[in-house]
Structure formats: structure tokens, C-alpha cells
PDB file of N, CA and C in Angstrom:
ATOM      1  N   MET A   1     -36.585  -7.956 -54.666  1.00  0.00           N
ATOM      2  CA  MET A   1     -37.587  -8.795 -55.310  1.00  0.00           C
ATOM      3  C   MET A   1     -36.950 -10.147 -55.646  1.00  0.00           C
ATOM      4  N   ALA A   2     -37.683 -11.185 -55.390  1.00  0.00           N
ATOM      5  CA  ALA A   2     -37.224 -12.519 -55.749  1.00  0.00           C
ATOM      6  C   ALA A   2     -37.344 -12.722 -57.254  1.00  0.00           C
ATOM      7  N   SER A   3     -38.370 -12.117 -57.849  1.00  0.00           N
ATOM      8  CA  SER A   3     -38.574 -12.201 -59.289  1.00  0.00           C
ATOM      9  C   SER A   3     -39.260 -10.920 -59.748  1.00  0.00           C
ATOM     10  N   GLU A   4     -38.854 -10.423 -60.901  1.00  0.00           N
ATOM     11  CA  GLU A   4     -39.474  -9.212 -61.443  1.00  0.00           C
ATOM     12  C   GLU A   4     -40.350  -9.515 -62.650  1.00  0.00           C
ATOM     13  N   ASN A   5     -40.457 -10.778 -63.041  1.00  0.00           N
ATOM     14  CA  ASN A   5     -41.335 -11.149 -64.149  1.00  0.00           C
ATOM     15  C   ASN A   5     -42.769 -10.836 -63.750  1.00  0.00           C
ATOM     16  N   ALA A   6     -43.550 -10.336 -64.693  1.00  0.00           N
ATOM     17  CA  ALA A   6     -44.908  -9.871 -64.404  1.00  0.00           C
ATOM     18  C   ALA A   6     -45.769 -10.918 -63.707  1.00  0.00           C
ATOM     19  N   ASN A   7     -45.725 -12.131 -64.154  1.00  0.00           N
ATOM     20  CA  ASN A   7     -46.578 -13.155 -63.570  1.00  0.00           C
ATOM     21  C   ASN A   7     -45.943 -13.879 -62.390  1.00  0.00           C
ATOM     22  N   LYS A   8     -44.709 -13.582 -62.097  1.00  0.00           N
ATOM     23  CA  LYS A   8     -44.010 -14.263 -61.007  1.00  0.00           C
ATOM     24  C   LYS A   8     -43.449 -13.283 -59.983  1.00  0.00           C
ATOM     25  N   ALA A   9     -43.902 -12.050 -60.015  1.00  0.00           N
ATOM     26  CA  ALA A   9     -43.381 -11.045 -59.086  1.00  0.00           C
ATOM     27  C   ALA A   9     -43.638 -11.480 -57.646  1.00  0.00           C
ATOM     28  N   ALA A  10     -42.597 -11.428 -56.823  1.00  0.00           N
ATOM     29  CA  ALA A  10     -42.720 -11.855 -55.425  1.00  0.00           C
ATOM     30  C   ALA A  10     -41.628 -11.206 -54.603  1.00  0.00           C
ATOM     31  N   LEU A  11     -41.929 -11.022 -53.336  1.00  0.00           N
ATOM     32  CA  LEU A  11     -40.935 -10.508 -52.410  1.00  0.00           C
ATOM     33  C   LEU A  11     -39.965 -11.623 -52.041  1.00  0.00           C
ATOM     34  N   LYS A  12     -38.742 -11.265 -51.741  1.00  0.00           N
ATOM     35  CA  LYS A  12     -37.777 -12.252 -51.275  1.00  0.00           C
ATOM     36  C   LYS A  12     -38.212 -12.774 -49.919  1.00  0.00           C
ATOM     37  N   SER A  13     -37.917 -14.022 -49.673  1.00  0.00           N
ATOM     38  CA  SER A  13     -38.198 -14.597 -48.367  1.00  0.00           C
ATOM     39  C   SER A  13     -37.033 -14.291 -47.432  1.00  0.00           C
ATOM     40  N   ALA A  14     -37.224 -14.581 -46.158  1.00  0.00           N
ATOM     41  CA  ALA A  14     -36.146 -14.389 -45.192  1.00  0.00           C
ATOM     42  C   ALA A  14     -34.946 -15.250 -45.588  1.00  0.00           C
ATOM     43  N   LYS A  15     -35.208 -16.473 -46.042  1.00  0.00           N
ATOM     44  CA  LYS A  15     -34.120 -17.359 -46.461  1.00  0.00           C
ATOM     45  C   LYS A  15     -33.420 -16.827 -47.705  1.00  0.00           C
ATOM     46  N   ASP A  16     -34.176 -16.184 -48.620  1.00  0.00           N
ATOM     47  CA  ASP A  16     -33.574 -15.629 -49.835  1.00  0.00           C
ATOM     48  C   ASP A  16     -32.572 -14.528 -49.513  1.00  0.00           C
ATOM     49  N   PHE A  17     -32.863 -13.755 -48.478  1.00  0.00           N
ATOM     50  CA  PHE A  17     -31.919 -12.713 -48.089  1.00  0.00           C
ATOM     51  C   PHE A  17     -30.623 -13.345 -47.601  1.00  0.00           C
ATOM     52  N   GLY A  18     -30.740 -14.400 -46.837  1.00  0.00           N
ATOM     53  CA  GLY A  18     -29.562 -15.103 -46.345  1.00  0.00           C
ATOM     54  C   GLY A  18     -28.725 -14.254 -45.413  1.00  0.00           C
ATOM     55  N   ARG A  19     -27.824 -14.903 -44.742  1.00  0.00           N
ATOM     56  CA  ARG A  19     -26.976 -14.214 -43.762  1.00  0.00           C
ATOM     57  C   ARG A  19     -26.027 -13.224 -44.430  1.00  0.00           C
ATOM     58  N   ALA A  20     -25.607 -13.497 -45.663  1.00  0.00           N
ATOM     59  CA  ALA A  20     -24.657 -12.623 -46.346  1.00  0.00           C
ATOM     60  C   ALA A  20     -25.235 -11.233 -46.585  1.00  0.00           C
ATOM     61  N   GLU A  21     -26.519 -11.165 -46.897  1.00  0.00           N
ATOM     62  CA  GLU A  21     -27.141  -9.869 -47.165  1.00  0.00           C
ATOM     63  C   GLU A  21     -27.605  -9.180 -45.890  1.00  0.00           C
ATOM     64  N   MET A  22     -27.362  -9.800 -44.750  1.00  0.00           N
ATOM     65  CA  MET A  22     -27.797  -9.204 -43.498  1.00  0.00           C
ATOM     66  C   MET A  22     -26.621  -8.951 -42.558  1.00  0.00           C
ATOM     67  N   ASN A  23     -25.435  -8.781 -43.120  1.00  0.00           N
ATOM     68  CA  ASN A  23     -24.275  -8.536 -42.275  1.00  0.00           C
ATOM     69  C   ASN A  23     -24.142  -7.051 -41.935  1.00  0.00           C
ATOM     70  N   GLN A  24     -23.076  -6.692 -41.247  1.00  0.00           N
ATOM     71  CA  GLN A  24     -22.908  -5.315 -40.769  1.00  0.00           C
ATOM     72  C   GLN A  24     -22.760  -4.285 -41.887  1.00  0.00           C
ATOM     73  N   SER A  25     -22.360  -4.709 -43.069  1.00  0.00           N
ATOM     74  CA  SER A  25     -22.212  -3.757 -44.169  1.00  0.00           C
ATOM     75  C   SER A  25     -23.514  -3.556 -44.948  1.00  0.00           C
ATOM     76  N   SER A  26     -24.532  -4.304 -44.591  1.00  0.00           N
ATOM     77  CA  SER A  26     -25.821  -4.217 -45.278  1.00  0.00           C
ATOM     78  C   SER A  26     -26.564  -2.941 -44.887  1.00  0.00           C
ATOM     79  N   GLU A  27     -27.368  -2.441 -45.818  1.00  0.00           N
ATOM     80  CA  GLU A  27     -28.216  -1.279 -45.520  1.00  0.00           C
ATOM     81  C   GLU A  27     -29.262  -1.622 -44.462  1.00  0.00           C
ATOM     82  N   LEU A  28     -29.555  -2.902 -44.315  1.00  0.00           N
ATOM     83  CA  LEU A  28     -30.563  -3.346 -43.355  1.00  0.00           C
ATOM     84  C   LEU A  28     -30.005  -3.500 -41.941  1.00  0.00           C
ATOM     85  N   TYR A  29     -28.704  -3.372 -41.769  1.00  0.00           N
ATOM     86  CA  TYR A  29     -28.068  -3.634 -40.473  1.00  0.00           C
ATOM     87  C   TYR A  29     -28.733  -2.837 -39.344  1.00  0.00           C
ATOM     88  N   GLN A  30     -29.081  -3.528 -38.277  1.00  0.00           N
ATOM     89  CA  GLN A  30     -29.687  -2.980 -37.063  1.00  0.00           C
ATOM     90  C   GLN A  30     -31.048  -2.321 -37.287  1.00  0.00           C
ATOM     91  N   THR A  31     -31.747  -2.698 -38.360  1.00  0.00           N
ATOM     92  CA  THR A  31     -33.098  -2.181 -38.588  1.00  0.00           C
ATOM     93  C   THR A  31     -34.111  -3.219 -38.110  1.00  0.00           C
ATOM     94  N   PRO A  32     -35.305  -2.770 -37.761  1.00  0.00           N
ATOM     95  CA  PRO A  32     -36.342  -3.732 -37.360  1.00  0.00           C
ATOM     96  C   PRO A  32     -36.657  -4.764 -38.443  1.00  0.00           C
ATOM     97  N   ILE A  33     -36.621  -4.381 -39.694  1.00  0.00           N
ATOM     98  CA  ILE A  33     -36.915  -5.318 -40.779  1.00  0.00           C
ATOM     99  C   ILE A  33     -35.881  -6.432 -40.812  1.00  0.00           C
ATOM    100  N   ARG A  34     -34.620  -6.077 -40.716  1.00  0.00           N
ATOM    101  CA  ARG A  34     -33.561  -7.082 -40.718  1.00  0.00           C
ATOM    102  C   ARG A  34     -33.703  -8.000 -39.513  1.00  0.00           C
ATOM    103  N   ALA A  35     -33.983  -7.427 -38.361  1.00  0.00           N
ATOM    104  CA  ALA A  35     -34.116  -8.235 -37.149  1.00  0.00           C
ATOM    105  C   ALA A  35     -35.238  -9.254 -37.295  1.00  0.00           C
ATOM    106  N   VAL A  36     -36.364  -8.850 -37.853  1.00  0.00           N
ATOM    107  CA  VAL A  36     -37.486  -9.765 -38.058  1.00  0.00           C
ATOM    108  C   VAL A  36     -37.128 -10.827 -39.094  1.00  0.00           C
ATOM    109  N   LEU A  37     -36.528 -10.438 -40.213  1.00  0.00           N
ATOM    110  CA  LEU A  37     -36.147 -11.412 -41.242  1.00  0.00           C
ATOM    111  C   LEU A  37     -35.163 -12.436 -40.701  1.00  0.00           C
ATOM    112  N   TYR A  38     -34.208 -11.976 -39.929  1.00  0.00           N
ATOM    113  CA  TYR A  38     -33.218 -12.874 -39.336  1.00  0.00           C
ATOM    114  C   TYR A  38     -33.897 -13.832 -38.365  1.00  0.00           C
ATOM    115  N   ALA A  39     -34.826 -13.318 -37.560  1.00  0.00           N
ATOM    116  CA  ALA A  39     -35.562 -14.163 -36.620  1.00  0.00           C
ATOM    117  C   ALA A  39     -36.399 -15.204 -37.360  1.00  0.00           C
ATOM    118  N   LEU A  40     -37.021 -14.812 -38.462  1.00  0.00           N
ATOM    119  CA  LEU A  40     -37.811 -15.753 -39.253  1.00  0.00           C
ATOM    120  C   LEU A  40     -36.923 -16.849 -39.836  1.00  0.00           C
ATOM    121  N   MET A  41     -35.744 -16.460 -40.288  1.00  0.00           N
ATOM    122  CA  MET A  41     -34.800 -17.432 -40.819  1.00  0.00           C
ATOM    123  C   MET A  41     -34.417 -18.436 -39.725  1.00  0.00           C
ATOM    124  N   ASP A  42     -34.183 -17.940 -38.512  1.00  0.00           N
ATOM    125  CA  ASP A  42     -33.829 -18.815 -37.397  1.00  0.00           C
ATOM    126  C   ASP A  42     -34.985 -19.729 -36.997  1.00  0.00           C
ATOM    127  N   LEU A  43     -36.201 -19.201 -36.956  1.00  0.00           N
ATOM    128  CA  LEU A  43     -37.358 -20.028 -36.613  1.00  0.00           C
ATOM    129  C   LEU A  43     -37.573 -21.132 -37.643  1.00  0.00           C
ATOM    130  N   GLN A  44     -37.377 -20.808 -38.914  1.00  0.00           N
ATOM    131  CA  GLN A  44     -37.535 -21.819 -39.960  1.00  0.00           C
ATOM    132  C   GLN A  44     -36.439 -22.872 -39.899  1.00  0.00           C
ATOM    133  N   ALA A  45     -35.326 -22.525 -39.238  1.00  0.00           N
ATOM    134  CA  ALA A  45     -34.242 -23.486 -39.039  1.00  0.00           C
ATOM    135  C   ALA A  45     -34.446 -24.264 -37.737  1.00  0.00           C
ATOM    136  N   GLN A  46     -35.654 -24.180 -37.173  1.00  0.00           N
ATOM    137  CA  GLN A  46     -36.057 -24.929 -35.984  1.00  0.00           C
ATOM    138  C   GLN A  46     -35.323 -24.508 -34.709  1.00  0.00           C
ATOM    139  N   LYS A  47     -34.889 -23.252 -34.635  1.00  0.00           N
ATOM    140  CA  LYS A  47     -34.269 -22.768 -33.403  1.00  0.00           C
ATOM    141  C   LYS A  47     -35.344 -22.470 -32.370  1.00  0.00           C
ATOM    142  N   ASP A  48     -34.970 -22.558 -31.112  1.00  0.00           N
ATOM    143  CA  ASP A  48     -35.879 -22.326 -29.997  1.00  0.00           C
ATOM    144  C   ASP A  48     -36.365 -20.868 -29.986  1.00  0.00           C
ATOM    145  N   LEU A  49     -37.649 -20.667 -29.724  1.00  0.00           N
ATOM    146  CA  LEU A  49     -38.226 -19.322 -29.742  1.00  0.00           C
ATOM    147  C   LEU A  49     -37.526 -18.386 -28.759  1.00  0.00           C
ATOM    148  N   ASP A  50     -37.209 -18.866 -27.563  1.00  0.00           N
ATOM    149  CA  ASP A  50     -36.523 -18.000 -26.589  1.00  0.00           C
ATOM    150  C   ASP A  50     -35.173 -17.531 -27.111  1.00  0.00           C
ATOM    151  N   ASP A  51     -34.441 -18.424 -27.768  1.00  0.00           N
ATOM    152  CA  ASP A  51     -33.153 -18.046 -28.353  1.00  0.00           C
ATOM    153  C   ASP A  51     -33.339 -17.060 -29.507  1.00  0.00           C
ATOM    154  N   VAL A  52     -34.397 -17.275 -30.285  1.00  0.00           N
ATOM    155  CA  VAL A  52     -34.686 -16.376 -31.412  1.00  0.00           C
ATOM    156  C   VAL A  52     -35.023 -14.980 -30.896  1.00  0.00           C
ATOM    157  N   LEU A  53     -35.803 -14.900 -29.828  1.00  0.00           N
ATOM    158  CA  LEU A  53     -36.160 -13.593 -29.255  1.00  0.00           C
ATOM    159  C   LEU A  53     -34.935 -12.874 -28.702  1.00  0.00           C
ATOM    160  N   LYS A  54     -34.016 -13.622 -28.098  1.00  0.00           N
ATOM    161  CA  LYS A  54     -32.766 -13.004 -27.625  1.00  0.00           C
ATOM    162  C   LYS A  54     -31.961 -12.465 -28.803  1.00  0.00           C
ATOM    163  N   GLY A  55     -31.902 -13.245 -29.871  1.00  0.00           N
ATOM    164  CA  GLY A  55     -31.199 -12.808 -31.072  1.00  0.00           C
ATOM    165  C   GLY A  55     -31.860 -11.602 -31.711  1.00  0.00           C
ATOM    166  N   LEU A  56     -33.176 -11.566 -31.665  1.00  0.00           N
ATOM    167  CA  LEU A  56     -33.917 -10.432 -32.212  1.00  0.00           C
ATOM    168  C   LEU A  56     -33.497  -9.144 -31.504  1.00  0.00           C
ATOM    169  N   GLU A  57     -33.408  -9.211 -30.198  1.00  0.00           N
ATOM    170  CA  GLU A  57     -32.990  -8.044 -29.415  1.00  0.00           C
ATOM    171  C   GLU A  57     -31.563  -7.630 -29.763  1.00  0.00           C
ATOM    172  N   GLN A  58     -30.690  -8.601 -29.964  1.00  0.00           N
ATOM    173  CA  GLN A  58     -29.290  -8.306 -30.283  1.00  0.00           C
ATOM    174  C   GLN A  58     -29.113  -7.754 -31.690  1.00  0.00           C
ATOM    175  N   ASN A  59     -30.062  -8.017 -32.571  1.00  0.00           N
ATOM    176  CA  ASN A  59     -29.953  -7.544 -33.946  1.00  0.00           C
ATOM    177  C   ASN A  59     -30.470  -6.120 -34.147  1.00  0.00           C
ATOM    178  N   LEU A  60     -30.893  -5.505 -33.076  1.00  0.00           N
ATOM    179  CA  LEU A  60     -31.329  -4.107 -33.134  1.00  0.00           C
ATOM    180  C   LEU A  60     -30.274  -3.227 -32.492  1.00  0.00           C
ATOM    181  N   LYS A  61     -30.425  -1.936 -32.662  1.00  0.00           N
ATOM    182  CA  LYS A  61     -29.522  -1.008 -31.986  1.00  0.00           C
ATOM    183  C   LYS A  61     -29.649  -1.233 -30.483  1.00  0.00           C
ATOM    184  N   PRO A  62     -28.550  -1.087 -29.749  1.00  0.00           N
ATOM    185  CA  PRO A  62     -28.608  -1.308 -28.294  1.00  0.00           C
ATOM    186  C   PRO A  62     -29.718  -0.494 -27.630  1.00  0.00           C
ATOM    187  N   GLY A  63     -30.526  -1.166 -26.840  1.00  0.00           N
ATOM    188  CA  GLY A  63     -31.603  -0.512 -26.109  1.00  0.00           C
ATOM    189  C   GLY A  63     -32.867  -0.236 -26.899  1.00  0.00           C
ATOM    190  N   ALA A  64     -32.923  -0.674 -28.153  1.00  0.00           N
ATOM    191  CA  ALA A  64     -34.063  -0.335 -29.013  1.00  0.00           C
ATOM    192  C   ALA A  64     -35.176  -1.377 -28.990  1.00  0.00           C
ATOM    193  N   PHE A  65     -34.944  -2.526 -28.396  1.00  0.00           N
ATOM    194  CA  PHE A  65     -35.914  -3.615 -28.498  1.00  0.00           C
ATOM    195  C   PHE A  65     -37.272  -3.236 -27.914  1.00  0.00           C
ATOM    196  N   TYR A  66     -37.308  -2.783 -26.678  1.00  0.00           N
ATOM    197  CA  TYR A  66     -38.599  -2.548 -26.026  1.00  0.00           C
ATOM    198  C   TYR A  66     -39.380  -1.404 -26.666  1.00  0.00           C
ATOM    199  N   SER A  67     -38.688  -0.400 -27.155  1.00  0.00           N
ATOM    200  CA  SER A  67     -39.399   0.690 -27.823  1.00  0.00           C
ATOM    201  C   SER A  67     -39.835   0.302 -29.238  1.00  0.00           C
ATOM    202  N   SER A  68     -39.280  -0.790 -29.766  1.00  0.00           N
ATOM    203  CA  SER A  68     -39.602  -1.236 -31.130  1.00  0.00           C
ATOM    204  C   SER A  68     -40.552  -2.426 -31.167  1.00  0.00           C
ATOM    205  N   ARG A  69     -40.983  -2.909 -30.020  1.00  0.00           N
ATOM    206  CA  ARG A  69     -41.792  -4.135 -29.976  1.00  0.00           C
ATOM    207  C   ARG A  69     -43.041  -4.059 -30.846  1.00  0.00           C
ATOM    208  N   ASP A  70     -43.788  -2.970 -30.766  1.00  0.00           N
ATOM    209  CA  ASP A  70     -45.007  -2.850 -31.572  1.00  0.00           C
ATOM    210  C   ASP A  70     -44.693  -2.901 -33.064  1.00  0.00           C
ATOM    211  N   MET A  71     -43.613  -2.245 -33.470  1.00  0.00           N
ATOM    212  CA  MET A  71     -43.222  -2.233 -34.873  1.00  0.00           C
ATOM    213  C   MET A  71     -42.785  -3.633 -35.307  1.00  0.00           C
ATOM    214  N   LEU A  72     -42.056  -4.338 -34.454  1.00  0.00           N
ATOM    215  CA  LEU A  72     -41.603  -5.688 -34.779  1.00  0.00           C
ATOM    216  C   LEU A  72     -42.793  -6.626 -34.976  1.00  0.00           C
ATOM    217  N   VAL A  73     -43.786  -6.505 -34.102  1.00  0.00           N
ATOM    218  CA  VAL A  73     -44.996  -7.321 -34.213  1.00  0.00           C
ATOM    219  C   VAL A  73     -45.727  -6.983 -35.514  1.00  0.00           C
ATOM    220  N   THR A  74     -45.835  -5.705 -35.821  1.00  0.00           N
ATOM    221  CA  THR A  74     -46.517  -5.271 -37.047  1.00  0.00           C
ATOM    222  C   THR A  74     -45.814  -5.820 -38.280  1.00  0.00           C
ATOM    223  N   ILE A  75     -44.488  -5.763 -38.308  1.00  0.00           N
ATOM    224  CA  ILE A  75     -43.724  -6.279 -39.451  1.00  0.00           C
ATOM    225  C   ILE A  75     -43.931  -7.782 -39.588  1.00  0.00           C
ATOM    226  N   ALA A  76     -43.831  -8.499 -38.475  1.00  0.00           N
ATOM    227  CA  ALA A  76     -43.999  -9.951 -38.516  1.00  0.00           C
ATOM    228  C   ALA A  76     -45.402 -10.326 -38.981  1.00  0.00           C
ATOM    229  N   ARG A  77     -46.423  -9.636 -38.474  1.00  0.00           N
ATOM    230  CA  ARG A  77     -47.803  -9.940 -38.887  1.00  0.00           C
ATOM    231  C   ARG A  77     -48.020  -9.610 -40.369  1.00  0.00           C
ATOM    232  N   PHE A  78     -47.438  -8.519 -40.836  1.00  0.00           N
ATOM    233  CA  PHE A  78     -47.543  -8.145 -42.247  1.00  0.00           C
ATOM    234  C   PHE A  78     -46.937  -9.235 -43.132  1.00  0.00           C
ATOM    235  N   ILE A  79     -45.738  -9.681 -42.774  1.00  0.00           N
ATOM    236  CA  ILE A  79     -45.088 -10.741 -43.555  1.00  0.00           C
ATOM    237  C   ILE A  79     -45.942 -12.002 -43.523  1.00  0.00           C
ATOM    238  N   GLY A  80     -46.462 -12.338 -42.353  1.00  0.00           N
ATOM    239  CA  GLY A  80     -47.307 -13.521 -42.228  1.00  0.00           C
ATOM    240  C   GLY A  80     -48.510 -13.487 -43.152  1.00  0.00           C
ATOM    241  N   LYS A  81     -49.132 -12.321 -43.269  1.00  0.00           N
ATOM    242  CA  LYS A  81     -50.305 -12.193 -44.146  1.00  0.00           C
ATOM    243  C   LYS A  81     -49.914 -12.227 -45.618  1.00  0.00           C
ATOM    244  N   LYS A  82     -48.821 -11.565 -45.962  1.00  0.00           N
ATOM    245  CA  LYS A  82     -48.427 -11.460 -47.368  1.00  0.00           C
ATOM    246  C   LYS A  82     -47.942 -12.777 -47.961  1.00  0.00           C
ATOM    247  N   VAL A  83     -47.344 -13.638 -47.151  1.00  0.00           N
ATOM    248  CA  VAL A  83     -46.774 -14.865 -47.703  1.00  0.00           C
ATOM    249  C   VAL A  83     -47.567 -16.113 -47.329  1.00  0.00           C
ATOM    250  N   ASP A  84     -48.765 -15.923 -46.773  1.00  0.00           N
ATOM    251  CA  ASP A  84     -49.549 -17.036 -46.253  1.00  0.00           C
ATOM    252  C   ASP A  84     -49.766 -18.151 -47.267  1.00  0.00           C
ATOM    253  N   THR A  85     -50.118 -17.826 -48.488  1.00  0.00           N
ATOM    254  CA  THR A  85     -50.380 -18.864 -49.482  1.00  0.00           C
ATOM    255  C   THR A  85     -49.120 -19.265 -50.259  1.00  0.00           C
ATOM    256  N   MET A  86     -48.201 -18.329 -50.449  1.00  0.00           N
ATOM    257  CA  MET A  86     -46.976 -18.621 -51.209  1.00  0.00           C
ATOM    258  C   MET A  86     -45.975 -19.441 -50.410  1.00  0.00           C
ATOM    259  N   ARG A  87     -45.765 -19.033 -49.158  1.00  0.00           N
ATOM    260  CA  ARG A  87     -44.753 -19.669 -48.309  1.00  0.00           C
ATOM    261  C   ARG A  87     -45.346 -19.914 -46.922  1.00  0.00           C
ATOM    262  N   PRO A  88     -46.180 -20.936 -46.787  1.00  0.00           N
ATOM    263  CA  PRO A  88     -46.871 -21.164 -45.512  1.00  0.00           C
ATOM    264  C   PRO A  88     -45.944 -21.377 -44.319  1.00  0.00           C
ATOM    265  N   GLU A  89     -44.762 -21.963 -44.555  1.00  0.00           N
ATOM    266  CA  GLU A  89     -43.830 -22.173 -43.437  1.00  0.00           C
ATOM    267  C   GLU A  89     -43.335 -20.839 -42.898  1.00  0.00           C
ATOM    268  N   GLU A  90     -43.031 -19.922 -43.805  1.00  0.00           N
ATOM    269  CA  GLU A  90     -42.564 -18.599 -43.381  1.00  0.00           C
ATOM    270  C   GLU A  90     -43.705 -17.827 -42.710  1.00  0.00           C
ATOM    271  N   ALA A  91     -44.913 -17.972 -43.236  1.00  0.00           N
ATOM    272  CA  ALA A  91     -46.073 -17.306 -42.631  1.00  0.00           C
ATOM    273  C   ALA A  91     -46.300 -17.817 -41.214  1.00  0.00           C
ATOM    274  N   SER A  92     -46.180 -19.113 -41.025  1.00  0.00           N
ATOM    275  CA  SER A  92     -46.335 -19.698 -39.693  1.00  0.00           C
ATOM    276  C   SER A  92     -45.252 -19.177 -38.749  1.00  0.00           C
ATOM    277  N   ALA A  93     -44.015 -19.121 -39.225  1.00  0.00           N
ATOM    278  CA  ALA A  93     -42.916 -18.598 -38.407  1.00  0.00           C
ATOM    279  C   ALA A  93     -43.171 -17.138 -38.034  1.00  0.00           C
ATOM    280  N   ALA A  94     -43.727 -16.368 -38.964  1.00  0.00           N
ATOM    281  CA  ALA A  94     -44.021 -14.955 -38.695  1.00  0.00           C
ATOM    282  C   ALA A  94     -45.084 -14.822 -37.609  1.00  0.00           C
ATOM    283  N   ARG A  95     -46.093 -15.668 -37.660  1.00  0.00           N
ATOM    284  CA  ARG A  95     -47.142 -15.638 -36.625  1.00  0.00           C
ATOM    285  C   ARG A  95     -46.576 -16.043 -35.263  1.00  0.00           C
ATOM    286  N   VAL A  96     -45.746 -17.073 -35.238  1.00  0.00           N
ATOM    287  CA  VAL A  96     -45.114 -17.511 -33.990  1.00  0.00           C
ATOM    288  C   VAL A  96     -44.246 -16.390 -33.426  1.00  0.00           C
ATOM    289  N   LEU A  97     -43.491 -15.737 -34.293  1.00  0.00           N
ATOM    290  CA  LEU A  97     -42.629 -14.642 -33.846  1.00  0.00           C
ATOM    291  C   LEU A  97     -43.450 -13.492 -33.278  1.00  0.00           C
ATOM    292  N   ALA A  98     -44.484 -13.075 -33.985  1.00  0.00           N
ATOM    293  CA  ALA A  98     -45.323 -11.968 -33.507  1.00  0.00           C
ATOM    294  C   ALA A  98     -45.937 -12.305 -32.153  1.00  0.00           C
ATOM    295  N   ASP A  99     -46.460 -13.516 -32.022  1.00  0.00           N
ATOM    296  CA  ASP A  99     -47.039 -13.927 -30.743  1.00  0.00           C
ATOM    297  C   ASP A  99     -45.982 -13.986 -29.651  1.00  0.00           C
ATOM    298  N   GLY A 100     -44.801 -14.470 -29.996  1.00  0.00           N
ATOM    299  CA  GLY A 100     -43.713 -14.551 -29.027  1.00  0.00           C
ATOM    300  C   GLY A 100     -43.284 -13.186 -28.518  1.00  0.00           C
ATOM    301  N   ILE A 101     -43.213 -12.218 -29.414  1.00  0.00           N
ATOM    302  CA  ILE A 101     -42.843 -10.857 -29.016  1.00  0.00           C
ATOM    303  C   ILE A 101     -43.920 -10.277 -28.105  1.00  0.00           C
ATOM    304  N   GLU A 102     -45.178 -10.447 -28.506  1.00  0.00           N
ATOM    305  CA  GLU A 102     -46.281  -9.904 -27.696  1.00  0.00           C
ATOM    306  C   GLU A 102     -46.363 -10.536 -26.309  1.00  0.00           C
ATOM    307  N   ASN A 103     -46.063 -11.809 -26.213  1.00  0.00           N
ATOM    308  CA  ASN A 103     -46.208 -12.527 -24.951  1.00  0.00           C
ATOM    309  C   ASN A 103     -44.943 -12.553 -24.102  1.00  0.00           C
ATOM    310  N   GLN A 104     -43.877 -11.961 -24.620  1.00  0.00           N
ATOM    311  CA  GLN A 104     -42.612 -11.958 -23.873  1.00  0.00           C
ATOM    312  C   GLN A 104     -42.738 -11.118 -22.616  1.00  0.00           C
ATOM    313  N   LYS A 105     -42.239 -11.647 -21.523  1.00  0.00           N
ATOM    314  CA  LYS A 105     -42.265 -10.894 -20.262  1.00  0.00           C
ATOM    315  C   LYS A 105     -41.203  -9.824 -20.293  1.00  0.00           C
ATOM    316  N   MET A 106     -41.564  -8.677 -19.758  1.00  0.00           N
ATOM    317  CA  MET A 106     -40.622  -7.558 -19.770  1.00  0.00           C
ATOM    318  C   MET A 106     -39.797  -7.525 -18.519  1.00  0.00           C
TER     319      MET A 106
END
């Protein structure tokens, strides 16, 4: 949680997690959630979508990308909806990521 105060309760953003909390010793390591958060962080840093998608695949367990595509899209769309008014830049990045995953050639 970014804040636990009753009137300010909010989920952490991808940037709030930062690279330090997404390293190999993290509980999130090689999970779809971490891969999506890392990709969102990269998209918000203006990285190219093709490079972000390659990184997304590398942030999952080897060989897990194609079997996880639907879940990755669902996570990205969920984040996009939840943060739409609070963090519009992150919501936009989530929509771009979800569309990019869906439209990626296999």
C-alpha cells in the first residue's frame, strides 16, 4: 500500500515499487504481476514498446510468456481501470501494454 490512512488509501504504483523491490530476492520475482509492473515502469520512462515486450518476456520464468499472455493482459487492464483517475499516465501505459501484448505476433 502506498498509504494506509483511511482517506488516502491507495495501491502502490509501478514507480513506487521501483527496481529495488523487484530484484531476484523479491517475493514478486518472475511472477506475472512483477513483469507487468516492471513493463509499466519502463513504458512510463518512454521506452519503446517492442523493447518493453521483450523485457516482459524475460521477466517471467523461462518459457512462460505465451502461456501467461491472457493473464498479463488481464493484470494490465485491471491496473489501467483501477488507477485511471488517480494516475492517468500509468493507466495509459497499462492500456498500451495490454494492447501490445494482445497484438504481438507469435
